Protein backbone atom coordinates (compact mmCIF):
# COMPACT_ATOMS: atom_id res chain seq x y z
CA UNK A 1 18.50 25.60 22.44
CA UNK A 2 20.58 24.29 25.15
CA UNK A 3 17.98 21.86 26.40
CA UNK A 4 17.66 20.68 22.99
CA UNK A 5 21.13 20.33 22.32
CA UNK A 6 21.42 18.60 25.87
CA UNK A 7 18.64 16.02 24.82
CA UNK A 8 20.28 15.16 21.54
CA UNK A 9 23.32 14.42 23.11
CA UNK A 10 21.81 12.10 25.53
CA UNK A 11 20.28 10.41 22.92
CA UNK A 12 23.09 9.71 21.13
CA UNK A 13 25.44 8.75 23.74
CA UNK A 14 22.52 6.41 25.27
CA UNK A 15 22.10 4.82 21.84
CA UNK A 16 26.19 4.36 21.15
CA UNK A 17 26.50 3.00 24.64
CA UNK A 18 23.84 0.38 24.08
CA UNK A 19 24.97 -0.62 20.67
CA UNK A 20 28.65 -0.82 22.24
CA UNK A 21 27.30 -3.42 25.01
CA UNK A 22 25.36 -5.35 22.19
CA UNK A 23 27.96 -5.55 19.75
CA UNK A 24 31.23 -5.64 21.73
CA UNK A 25 30.59 -7.15 25.27
CA UNK A 26 27.90 -9.59 24.57
CA UNK A 27 26.94 -10.00 20.78
CA UNK A 28 25.05 -13.20 21.25
CA UNK A 29 23.21 -12.90 24.69
CA UNK A 30 20.13 -11.55 23.22
CA UNK A 31 19.86 -14.15 20.94
CA UNK A 32 20.69 -16.68 23.52
CA UNK A 33 18.11 -15.51 25.84
CA UNK A 34 15.04 -14.88 23.52
CA UNK A 35 15.65 -16.23 20.05
CA UNK A 36 16.54 -19.93 18.88
CA UNK A 37 19.75 -20.47 16.82
CA UNK A 38 18.63 -21.56 13.55
CA UNK A 39 17.47 -18.06 12.40
CA UNK A 40 20.37 -15.92 13.90
CA UNK A 41 21.64 -15.44 10.45
CA UNK A 42 22.21 -11.76 10.17
CA UNK A 43 25.30 -10.29 11.53
CA UNK A 44 24.68 -7.27 13.67
CA UNK A 45 25.67 -4.72 11.07
CA UNK A 46 26.84 -0.71 11.85
CA UNK A 47 27.71 -0.27 15.47
CA UNK A 48 24.87 2.46 15.97
CA UNK A 49 22.04 1.34 13.54
CA UNK A 50 22.39 -2.09 12.92
CA UNK A 51 20.44 -2.91 9.78
CA UNK A 52 18.00 0.01 10.51
CA UNK A 53 18.11 1.39 7.05
CA UNK A 54 16.67 -1.67 5.53
CA UNK A 55 13.33 -1.10 7.42
CA UNK A 56 12.19 2.09 5.79
CA UNK A 57 15.38 4.12 4.30
CA UNK A 58 16.72 1.83 1.63
CA UNK A 59 15.51 2.17 -1.67
CA UNK A 60 13.60 0.40 -3.35
CA UNK A 61 11.91 -0.20 -0.04
CA UNK A 62 11.74 -3.80 0.97
CA UNK A 63 14.82 -4.53 -1.62
CA UNK A 64 17.38 -5.48 1.40
CA UNK A 65 14.45 -7.95 2.69
CA UNK A 66 14.15 -9.43 -0.88
CA UNK A 67 17.75 -9.95 -1.05
CA UNK A 68 18.13 -11.56 2.58
CA UNK A 69 14.85 -13.64 1.97
CA UNK A 70 16.52 -15.35 -1.51
CA UNK A 71 20.28 -15.04 -0.35
CA UNK A 72 20.17 -16.50 3.22
CA UNK A 73 18.75 -20.21 4.28
CA UNK A 74 15.88 -19.72 6.36
CA UNK A 75 12.70 -21.56 7.71
CA UNK A 76 10.48 -18.61 7.68
CA UNK A 77 12.25 -15.98 9.96
CA UNK A 78 15.12 -13.87 9.81
CA UNK A 79 16.35 -12.04 12.75
CA UNK A 80 18.39 -8.68 12.58
CA UNK A 81 19.13 -5.83 14.55
CA UNK A 82 17.48 -2.19 13.86
CA UNK A 83 18.25 1.18 14.71
CA UNK A 84 20.12 1.11 17.90
CA UNK A 85 20.39 -2.39 17.72
CA UNK A 86 17.10 -3.51 18.63
CA UNK A 87 15.57 -7.01 18.27
CA UNK A 88 13.99 -7.32 14.78
CA UNK A 89 12.17 -10.57 13.03
CA UNK A 90 11.46 -10.43 9.25
CA UNK A 91 8.70 -13.09 8.41
CA UNK A 92 9.64 -14.79 5.07
CA UNK A 93 7.32 -17.93 4.73
CA UNK A 94 3.32 -18.32 4.08
CA UNK A 95 3.01 -20.55 7.25
CA UNK A 96 4.77 -17.77 9.18
CA UNK A 97 2.91 -15.09 7.85
CA UNK A 98 -0.29 -16.85 8.50
CA UNK A 99 0.41 -16.66 12.23
CA UNK A 100 1.23 -13.13 12.38
CA UNK A 101 -1.35 -11.39 10.34
CA UNK A 102 -4.03 -14.19 10.21
CA UNK A 103 -4.16 -16.46 13.18
CA UNK A 104 -2.86 -14.13 15.95
CA UNK A 105 -3.28 -10.78 13.97
CA UNK A 106 -4.30 -9.01 17.52
CA UNK A 107 -1.09 -10.30 19.20
CA UNK A 108 0.42 -7.62 17.30
CA UNK A 109 0.08 -3.88 17.13
CA UNK A 110 1.61 -1.06 14.81
CA UNK A 111 4.27 0.49 17.28
CA UNK A 112 2.88 3.23 18.99
CA UNK A 113 5.77 5.88 17.55
CA UNK A 114 4.61 4.73 13.96
CA UNK A 115 0.90 5.52 14.90
CA UNK A 116 1.40 8.65 16.82
CA UNK A 117 2.83 10.27 13.63
CA UNK A 118 0.71 8.62 10.80
CA UNK A 119 -2.36 9.32 12.71
CA UNK A 120 -1.86 13.30 12.04
CA UNK A 121 -1.97 12.39 8.06
CA UNK A 122 -4.30 9.23 8.24
CA UNK A 123 -6.48 10.04 10.94
CA UNK A 124 -7.75 7.88 13.55
CA UNK A 125 -9.24 5.61 11.21
CA UNK A 126 -9.44 1.91 10.68
CA UNK A 127 -5.80 1.78 9.34
CA UNK A 128 -4.11 2.86 12.48
CA UNK A 129 -6.47 1.95 15.39
CA UNK A 130 -5.87 -1.27 17.49
CA UNK A 131 -7.71 -3.93 19.54
CA UNK A 132 -11.15 -3.66 20.37
CA UNK A 133 -11.43 -0.43 18.56
CA UNK A 134 -10.18 -1.83 15.46
CA UNK A 135 -12.82 -4.78 15.79
CA UNK A 136 -15.40 -2.11 16.26
CA UNK A 137 -14.56 0.37 13.35
CA UNK A 138 -14.04 -2.84 11.06
CA UNK A 139 -17.46 -4.90 11.95
CA UNK A 140 -19.51 -1.27 11.13
CA UNK A 141 -17.42 -0.37 8.12
CA UNK A 142 -17.75 -3.43 6.34
CA UNK A 143 -21.09 -2.74 5.03
CA UNK A 144 -20.09 -0.02 3.13
CA UNK A 145 -17.44 -2.38 1.29
CA UNK A 146 -19.57 -5.31 0.44
CA UNK A 147 -19.69 -6.53 -3.38
CA UNK A 148 -23.13 -5.03 -3.88
CA UNK A 149 -21.84 -1.45 -2.84
CA UNK A 150 -18.70 -1.67 -5.01
CA UNK A 151 -20.79 -2.99 -8.01
CA UNK A 152 -22.81 0.23 -7.70
CA UNK A 153 -19.89 2.29 -8.06
CA UNK A 154 -18.83 1.26 -11.19
CA UNK A 155 -20.53 4.10 -13.31
CA UNK A 156 -18.80 6.34 -11.02
CA UNK A 157 -15.53 4.84 -11.70
CA UNK A 158 -16.18 4.88 -15.53
CA UNK A 159 -17.36 8.50 -15.68
CA UNK A 160 -14.15 9.75 -14.22
CA UNK A 161 -12.12 7.64 -16.40
CA UNK A 162 -13.91 9.23 -19.30
CA UNK A 163 -12.98 12.55 -17.82
CA UNK A 164 -9.47 11.76 -17.45
CA UNK A 165 -9.40 10.72 -21.10
CA UNK A 166 -10.74 14.29 -22.13
CA UNK A 167 -8.39 16.12 -19.69
CA UNK A 168 -5.27 14.22 -21.40
CA UNK A 169 -6.62 14.82 -24.79
CA UNK A 170 -6.97 18.46 -24.12
CA UNK A 171 -3.64 18.81 -23.01
CA UNK A 172 -1.89 16.78 -25.75
CA UNK A 173 -3.87 19.25 -28.33
CA UNK A 174 -2.32 22.16 -26.50
CA UNK A 175 1.00 20.83 -26.73
CA UNK A 176 0.98 19.96 -30.47
CA UNK A 177 1.83 16.84 -32.38
CA UNK A 178 5.06 16.02 -30.41
CA UNK A 179 3.30 16.55 -27.01
CA UNK A 180 3.77 14.43 -24.13
CA UNK A 181 2.35 14.36 -20.61
CA UNK A 182 3.70 13.59 -17.50
CA UNK A 183 1.04 11.07 -16.24
CA UNK A 184 1.61 10.74 -12.06
CA UNK A 185 -0.06 13.98 -11.78
CA UNK A 186 -3.27 13.15 -13.49
CA UNK A 187 -3.30 9.81 -11.77
CA UNK A 188 -3.38 11.82 -8.68
CA UNK A 189 -6.19 14.14 -9.81
CA UNK A 190 -8.18 11.40 -11.25
CA UNK A 191 -8.24 9.21 -7.97
CA UNK A 192 -8.74 12.34 -5.68
CA UNK A 193 -12.11 13.12 -7.81
CA UNK A 194 -13.25 9.06 -7.68
CA UNK A 195 -12.61 9.26 -3.92
CA UNK A 196 -14.76 12.27 -3.62
CA UNK A 197 -17.41 11.05 -5.28
CA UNK A 198 -17.46 7.56 -4.10
CA UNK A 199 -16.32 8.08 -0.59
CA UNK A 200 -17.91 11.49 0.10
CA UNK A 201 -20.51 12.23 -2.59
CA UNK A 202 -18.55 15.35 -3.29
CA UNK A 203 -16.87 16.15 -6.87
CA UNK A 204 -13.66 17.91 -6.22
CA UNK A 205 -13.17 18.53 -9.89
CA UNK A 206 -9.92 18.03 -9.64
CA UNK A 207 -9.36 17.05 -13.20
CA UNK A 208 -10.51 20.52 -14.23
CA UNK A 209 -8.74 22.46 -11.53
CA UNK A 210 -4.92 22.24 -11.67
CA UNK A 211 -4.80 24.26 -8.42
CA UNK A 212 -6.95 22.16 -6.35
CA UNK A 213 -6.40 22.46 -2.55
CA UNK A 214 -6.57 18.48 -1.99
CA UNK A 215 -4.05 17.79 -4.57
CA UNK A 216 -1.70 20.35 -3.65
CA UNK A 217 -1.77 19.72 -0.04
CA UNK A 218 -1.29 15.81 -0.88
CA UNK A 219 1.26 16.35 -3.25
CA UNK A 220 3.47 18.41 -0.93
CA UNK A 221 3.10 16.14 1.73
CA UNK A 222 3.57 12.64 0.04
CA UNK A 223 5.87 13.68 -3.01
CA UNK A 224 8.71 11.22 -3.04
CA UNK A 225 11.48 13.88 -2.38
CA UNK A 226 14.57 13.29 -0.32
CA UNK A 227 13.35 16.03 1.96
CA UNK A 228 9.85 14.32 2.60
CA UNK A 229 11.83 10.91 3.19
CA UNK A 230 14.10 12.25 5.76
CA UNK A 231 11.67 13.89 7.55
CA UNK A 232 9.25 10.72 7.77
CA UNK A 233 12.05 8.73 8.53
CA UNK A 234 13.24 10.80 11.29
CA UNK A 235 9.87 11.15 13.17
CA UNK A 236 10.06 7.21 13.07
CA UNK A 237 13.51 6.80 14.47
CA UNK A 238 13.70 9.58 16.84
CA UNK A 239 11.20 10.51 19.57
CA UNK A 240 8.70 12.81 17.87
CA UNK A 241 8.89 15.65 20.93
CA UNK A 242 12.67 15.97 19.71
CA UNK A 243 11.89 16.29 15.95
CA UNK A 244 8.99 18.46 16.62
CA UNK A 245 11.09 20.84 18.68
CA UNK A 246 13.50 21.02 15.81
CA UNK A 247 13.63 24.46 13.76
CA UNK A 248 12.37 22.49 10.64
CA UNK A 249 10.36 23.86 8.05
CA UNK A 250 8.85 20.55 7.52
CA UNK A 251 7.31 20.60 11.18
CA UNK A 252 5.39 23.76 10.12
CA UNK A 253 4.16 22.41 6.56
CA UNK A 254 2.67 19.28 8.58
CA UNK A 255 0.98 21.08 10.94
CA UNK A 256 -0.48 23.48 8.47
CA UNK A 257 -1.42 20.69 5.98
CA UNK A 258 -3.03 18.06 8.29
CA UNK A 259 -4.93 21.26 9.99
CA UNK A 260 -6.34 22.02 6.62
CA UNK A 261 -7.14 18.44 5.76
CA UNK A 262 -8.72 17.73 8.98
CA UNK A 263 -11.02 20.66 8.99
CA UNK A 264 -11.96 19.86 5.28
CA UNK A 265 -13.06 16.46 6.86
CA UNK A 266 -15.19 17.94 9.32
CA UNK A 267 -16.81 20.34 7.19
CA UNK A 268 -17.84 17.52 4.85
CA UNK A 269 -19.05 15.46 7.70
CA UNK A 270 -21.39 18.47 8.80
CA UNK A 271 -22.68 19.32 5.43
CA UNK A 272 -23.72 15.79 4.69
CA UNK A 273 -25.72 15.54 8.00
CA UNK A 274 -27.35 18.87 7.08
CA UNK A 275 -27.97 17.46 3.75
CA UNK A 276 -29.40 14.49 5.11
CA UNK A 277 -31.58 16.22 7.64
CA UNK A 278 -33.21 18.63 4.96
CA UNK A 279 -34.06 15.45 2.73
CA UNK A 280 -31.36 16.59 0.03
CA UNK A 281 -29.07 13.48 0.24
CA UNK A 282 -31.52 10.82 0.65
CA UNK A 283 -30.47 9.03 -2.66
CA UNK A 284 -27.17 9.25 -2.22
CA UNK A 285 -25.11 5.69 -1.91
CA UNK A 286 -21.44 7.26 -1.05
CA UNK A 287 -19.52 5.79 1.55
CA UNK A 288 -19.99 8.69 4.15
CA UNK A 289 -23.58 8.69 3.74
CA UNK A 290 -23.84 5.25 4.38
CA UNK A 291 -21.57 5.85 7.76
CA UNK A 292 -23.86 8.76 8.87
CA UNK A 293 -26.85 6.71 8.24
CA UNK A 294 -25.66 3.91 10.14
CA UNK A 295 -25.48 6.16 13.43
CA UNK A 296 -22.38 4.04 14.55
CA UNK A 297 -19.80 7.01 14.68
CA UNK A 298 -19.49 10.17 16.11
CA UNK A 299 -18.76 13.31 14.27
CA UNK A 300 -15.17 13.27 14.98
CA UNK A 301 -14.79 9.55 14.14
CA UNK A 302 -16.35 10.08 10.85
CA UNK A 303 -13.78 13.13 10.00
CA UNK A 304 -11.06 10.55 10.80
CA UNK A 305 -12.59 7.83 8.61
CA UNK A 306 -12.82 10.58 5.84
CA UNK A 307 -9.09 11.55 6.44
CA UNK A 308 -8.07 7.72 6.05
CA UNK A 309 -10.55 7.41 2.75
CA UNK A 310 -8.75 10.54 1.29
CA UNK A 311 -5.39 9.59 1.95
CA UNK A 312 -5.53 5.54 1.34
CA UNK A 313 -8.16 5.60 -1.15
CA UNK A 314 -6.43 8.13 -3.85
CA UNK A 315 -2.84 7.72 -3.02
CA UNK A 316 -2.96 3.64 -3.35
CA UNK A 317 -4.74 3.75 -6.56
CA UNK A 318 -2.99 6.69 -7.93
CA UNK A 319 0.30 4.78 -7.55
CA UNK A 320 -0.81 1.75 -8.94
CA UNK A 321 -2.38 3.16 -12.06
CA UNK A 322 0.97 4.99 -12.63
CA UNK A 323 2.98 1.88 -12.38
CA UNK A 324 0.50 0.08 -14.53
CA UNK A 325 1.41 2.62 -17.35
CA UNK A 326 4.98 2.60 -16.77
CA UNK A 327 5.08 -1.42 -17.20
CA UNK A 328 2.90 -1.23 -20.02
CA UNK A 329 4.96 1.30 -21.66
CA UNK A 330 7.97 -1.01 -21.24
CA UNK A 331 5.95 -4.01 -22.66
CA UNK A 332 4.39 -3.05 -26.00
CA UNK A 333 3.25 -6.70 -26.80
CA UNK A 334 1.19 -6.90 -23.27
CA UNK A 335 -0.10 -3.16 -23.98
CA UNK A 336 -1.19 -4.31 -27.57
CA UNK A 337 -2.82 -7.41 -26.19
CA UNK A 338 -4.93 -5.66 -23.48
CA UNK A 339 -5.76 -2.96 -25.81
CA UNK A 340 -7.32 -5.86 -28.20
CA UNK A 341 -9.38 -7.35 -25.41
CA UNK A 342 -10.61 -4.01 -24.07
CA UNK A 343 -11.67 -2.65 -27.75
CA UNK A 344 -13.27 -5.85 -28.70
CA UNK A 345 -15.33 -6.06 -25.75
CA UNK A 346 -16.35 -2.79 -23.99
CA UNK A 347 -17.56 0.32 -25.68
CA UNK A 348 -15.41 3.06 -26.63
CA UNK A 349 -14.42 5.28 -23.69
CA UNK A 350 -13.94 8.56 -25.94
CA UNK A 351 -17.49 7.96 -27.12
CA UNK A 352 -19.69 10.18 -24.64
CA UNK A 353 -22.80 8.49 -26.42
CA UNK A 354 -21.49 4.96 -25.85
CA UNK A 355 -23.32 3.10 -22.87
CA UNK A 356 -21.46 2.85 -19.64
CA UNK A 357 -19.84 -0.69 -19.66
CA UNK A 358 -21.44 -2.95 -16.58
CA UNK A 359 -19.49 -4.23 -13.73
CA UNK A 360 -19.93 -7.74 -15.02
CA UNK A 361 -18.55 -6.74 -18.43
CA UNK A 362 -15.64 -5.03 -16.87
CA UNK A 363 -14.91 -7.89 -14.65
CA UNK A 364 -15.26 -10.33 -17.12
CA UNK A 365 -11.69 -9.50 -19.02
CA UNK A 366 -9.41 -11.83 -18.01
CA UNK A 367 -6.26 -10.22 -19.34
CA UNK A 368 -7.14 -6.79 -17.77
CA UNK A 369 -7.69 -8.79 -14.62
CA UNK A 370 -4.19 -10.18 -15.07
CA UNK A 371 -2.56 -7.03 -15.64
CA UNK A 372 -3.84 -5.16 -12.78
CA UNK A 373 -3.04 -7.95 -10.69
CA UNK A 374 0.50 -8.39 -11.88
CA UNK A 375 0.73 -4.52 -11.20
CA UNK A 376 -0.35 -4.94 -7.66
CA UNK A 377 1.96 -7.85 -7.29
CA UNK A 378 5.34 -6.28 -8.40
CA UNK A 379 4.43 -2.49 -7.02
CA UNK A 380 2.69 -3.22 -3.28
CA UNK A 381 1.61 0.36 -2.36
CA UNK A 382 3.09 -0.31 1.07
CA UNK A 383 6.08 -2.52 0.56
CA UNK A 384 7.09 -2.82 4.16
CA UNK A 385 4.96 -2.52 7.22
CA UNK A 386 5.90 -3.22 10.84
CA UNK A 387 4.28 -4.97 13.80
CA UNK A 388 5.14 -5.15 17.56
CA UNK A 389 4.07 -7.99 20.13
CA UNK A 390 2.06 -6.55 22.76
CA UNK A 391 2.35 -9.50 25.03
CA UNK A 392 4.33 -12.88 24.73
CA UNK A 393 3.37 -14.98 21.43
CA UNK A 394 4.99 -17.41 19.09
CA UNK A 395 5.57 -17.81 15.59
CA UNK A 396 5.76 -21.15 13.79
CA UNK A 397 8.84 -21.63 11.18
CA UNK A 398 10.85 -24.50 9.95
CA UNK A 399 13.82 -26.18 11.20
CA UNK A 400 16.61 -25.58 8.75
CA UNK A 401 18.27 -29.04 10.01
CA UNK A 402 15.16 -31.35 10.13
CA UNK A 403 12.61 -29.42 7.98
CA UNK A 404 10.13 -29.93 10.68
CA UNK A 405 7.93 -27.19 12.00
CA UNK A 406 8.90 -25.48 15.37
CA UNK A 407 7.36 -22.96 17.54
CA UNK A 408 9.49 -19.79 18.07
CA UNK A 409 8.64 -17.81 21.01
CA UNK A 410 8.27 -14.10 20.40
CA UNK A 411 8.77 -11.70 23.77
CA UNK A 412 6.38 -8.81 24.26
CA UNK A 413 7.94 -5.76 22.40
CA UNK A 414 9.53 -7.77 19.82
CA UNK A 415 9.29 -5.71 16.33
CA UNK A 416 7.97 -7.99 13.46
CA UNK A 417 8.82 -6.52 9.73
CA UNK A 418 6.44 -7.90 6.88
CA UNK A 419 7.32 -7.05 3.44
CA UNK A 420 5.06 -7.10 0.66
CA UNK A 421 7.64 -6.38 -1.55
CA UNK A 422 9.67 -9.09 -0.52
CA UNK A 423 7.09 -11.77 -0.42
CA UNK A 424 5.35 -10.76 -3.65
CA UNK A 425 8.56 -11.04 -5.64
CA UNK A 426 10.10 -13.98 -3.94
CA UNK A 427 11.22 -16.69 -6.38
CA UNK A 428 10.77 -19.57 -4.00
CA UNK A 429 7.12 -18.64 -4.12
CA UNK A 430 6.59 -17.14 -7.70
CA UNK A 431 9.17 -18.98 -9.71
CA UNK A 432 12.50 -17.81 -11.12
CA UNK A 433 10.67 -15.18 -13.25
CA UNK A 434 9.34 -13.50 -10.06
CA UNK A 435 10.85 -10.13 -10.83
CA UNK A 436 9.27 -9.93 -14.20
CA UNK A 437 6.26 -8.36 -15.41
CA UNK A 438 4.32 -11.41 -16.79
CA UNK A 439 0.57 -11.14 -16.67
CA UNK A 440 -0.04 -14.51 -17.95
CA UNK A 441 1.07 -16.15 -14.51
CA UNK A 442 -2.59 -15.15 -13.66
CA UNK A 443 -4.22 -17.12 -16.09
CA UNK A 444 -5.42 -20.52 -16.48
CA UNK A 445 -4.70 -22.71 -19.77
CA UNK A 446 -8.25 -21.49 -20.70
CA UNK A 447 -7.64 -17.91 -20.60
CA UNK A 448 -9.32 -17.49 -17.09
CA UNK A 449 -8.13 -15.03 -14.50
CA UNK A 450 -7.21 -16.47 -11.49
CA UNK A 451 -4.33 -17.12 -9.36
CA UNK A 452 -0.97 -19.15 -10.53
CA UNK A 453 -0.85 -22.56 -8.55
CA UNK A 454 1.57 -24.98 -7.76
CA UNK A 455 3.22 -23.45 -4.38
CA UNK A 456 6.75 -23.39 -3.66
CA UNK A 457 8.57 -22.47 -7.07
CA UNK A 458 5.29 -23.41 -9.02
CA UNK A 459 3.92 -19.90 -10.01
CA UNK A 460 5.35 -20.08 -13.57
CA UNK A 461 3.27 -21.64 -16.35
CA UNK A 462 -0.35 -21.14 -17.37
CA UNK A 463 -0.86 -24.95 -16.89
CA UNK A 464 -0.03 -25.13 -13.39
CA UNK A 465 -3.19 -23.81 -11.65
CA UNK A 466 -4.51 -24.60 -8.31
CA UNK A 467 -7.22 -23.07 -6.85
CA UNK A 468 -8.32 -19.82 -8.47
CA UNK A 469 -10.33 -16.81 -8.07
CA UNK A 470 -11.32 -13.81 -9.99
CA UNK A 471 -9.64 -11.36 -7.71
CA UNK A 472 -6.18 -13.44 -7.84
CA UNK A 473 -5.92 -13.19 -4.39
CA UNK A 474 -4.83 -16.86 -4.06
CA UNK A 475 -1.40 -15.72 -5.44
CA UNK A 476 0.87 -18.49 -5.78
CA UNK A 477 -1.02 -21.51 -4.20
CA UNK A 478 -1.41 -19.83 -0.68
CA UNK A 479 -3.39 -16.41 0.16
CA UNK A 480 -0.45 -15.39 1.94
CA UNK A 481 1.68 -15.26 -1.14
CA UNK A 482 0.27 -11.91 -2.34
CA UNK A 483 0.38 -9.42 0.49
CA UNK A 484 -0.14 -6.15 -1.43
CA UNK A 485 -3.72 -5.97 0.84
CA UNK A 486 -2.33 -8.17 3.27
CA UNK A 487 -4.58 -10.60 4.78
CA UNK A 488 -6.88 -11.59 7.89
CA UNK A 489 -8.06 -9.07 10.40
CA UNK A 490 -5.92 -6.36 9.49
CA UNK A 491 -6.25 -6.76 5.68
CA UNK A 492 -7.30 -3.73 3.59
CA UNK A 493 -11.02 -3.13 3.76
CA UNK A 494 -11.02 -1.25 0.55
CA UNK A 495 -9.01 -3.65 -1.46
CA UNK A 496 -12.18 -4.71 -3.51
CA UNK A 497 -13.02 -0.63 -4.21
CA UNK A 498 -9.22 -0.42 -5.37
CA UNK A 499 -9.12 -3.00 -7.70
CA UNK A 500 -12.33 -2.11 -9.53
CA UNK A 501 -11.19 1.39 -9.69
CA UNK A 502 -7.95 0.43 -11.25
CA UNK A 503 -9.57 -1.88 -13.62
CA UNK A 504 -11.94 0.71 -15.06
CA UNK A 505 -9.07 3.30 -15.10
CA UNK A 506 -6.89 1.20 -16.89
CA UNK A 507 -9.68 -0.06 -19.48
CA UNK A 508 -10.29 3.69 -20.37
CA UNK A 509 -6.71 4.65 -20.54
CA UNK A 510 -5.32 1.57 -22.74
CA UNK A 511 -8.31 1.57 -24.96
CA UNK A 512 -7.88 5.20 -25.92
CA UNK A 513 -4.11 5.71 -25.74
CA UNK A 514 -0.65 4.32 -26.66
CA UNK A 515 1.34 4.44 -23.91
CA UNK A 516 5.24 5.24 -24.11
CA UNK A 517 8.11 6.41 -22.26
CA UNK A 518 9.44 9.73 -23.93
CA UNK A 519 12.92 9.10 -22.76
CA UNK A 520 13.05 5.65 -24.01
CA UNK A 521 13.87 3.17 -21.33
CA UNK A 522 14.81 5.75 -18.73
CA UNK A 523 14.90 4.21 -15.42
CA UNK A 524 12.18 4.72 -12.91
CA UNK A 525 12.78 3.61 -9.22
CA UNK A 526 10.18 3.00 -6.76
CA UNK A 527 10.28 5.78 -3.80
CA UNK A 528 7.81 7.62 -1.66
CA UNK A 529 7.51 8.20 2.02
CA UNK A 530 4.13 6.46 2.92
CA UNK A 531 3.35 4.58 -0.43
CA UNK A 532 5.67 3.35 -3.28
CA UNK A 533 5.52 6.08 -6.13
CA UNK A 534 7.47 5.94 -9.28
CA UNK A 535 10.51 8.70 -9.05
CA UNK A 536 12.76 9.28 -12.11
């Protein structure tokens, strides 16, 4: 323990000395040599940790970035100091975002400490690999996520949506006339089942098994508790060798859970390979089968992809579905309007003899699309993400004095923050009602689902509509106004899957049940360790 104590002392003393020099001896030296004056707008903050808590400790995540974006005049970039007063840039405009995640996406990577920690949970799949490896994986994974493949999965989404209703009805029946259920747990279980069938051709039956191993492991790992939040934050702020050396029970828990999940995915890959060799799985169309048939990935790489799909594929939609239920519970008139649209168009999800609706019939419901889009806008699954420049690059932004576009050099090693939470709720992009749940902003005057136009602050009325698309991806006049799935080469490859799954689940849930909050308007706050989840 002496060595561990000495290491901690050295880290702390070194950080304090650096912070002291930066803050007291030469507070503007870094700015003068590396960044232009027009966007030094943040004070240096705390002597030791600067404004670091805003990156991933402040709750709701991204809330400080939204406050800065709206209260501090800026032309697309804000400078602040993170933990140990390291340089940070926050990207705030669609023009600057396009340069970072669109035009020059491969000039940036997730910082190595972030990747080294998250790879234990998500695997070395598409989300975490970089450079040429990312290009290779994305190219060879794209065929499994094409529109046709997603359309073929709608029956899976709908059948599991029906199974969710059966499970909820059974629990409510057991609880009696005044019974109520905690929906977040059920959202996790149904999305685990869906990613199992659609991603791996395996029905985990989590809806019927309250002790499902996968659900228990992911709940333990990702539950938005203060202990989990502290553990994840510590691994991102301090060297991982240091955190792993601490006598912290969370270290043993992480090792146990990630080992279980990794072995589970390896077994899945081997079982499917055996089934294909024996001719027992030739008709399967799940993602794992398609990837094995492509012969583009090694067994270990397939296991990593399955880890990624398991975590990202269920956690994102589970969170979104829970938020959708919460928002509709707070907005009875919107819930009633949505239910009317669903019941007038789709067959009853409670009637097992009724036909399965087609993908076209579900996608043709404009208010359903609007509600799901608005939920994804207000509660992006990942509210803050970070990139690091791997070589000298540049970001355009607007000069506050002249309004002209200027180029800001960005030195190698600079960390750049992107906040879907701040962009998706920016009044400058979405209008003064940006923080409100108003699905109508996604409808044209003719009631067609699309994206609100007008740019600037024109994201308000239904009459002001620019270019639209059925996914709502154009946001308030620019693709970069809606960042829930990011954009460009690093955009979420599974966004079509997630949107379709969410619409099916929402249509079944709202078509069958009236949703309300048991404790009235009890405050629910966004929390979580990797994704944004509701916490009472």
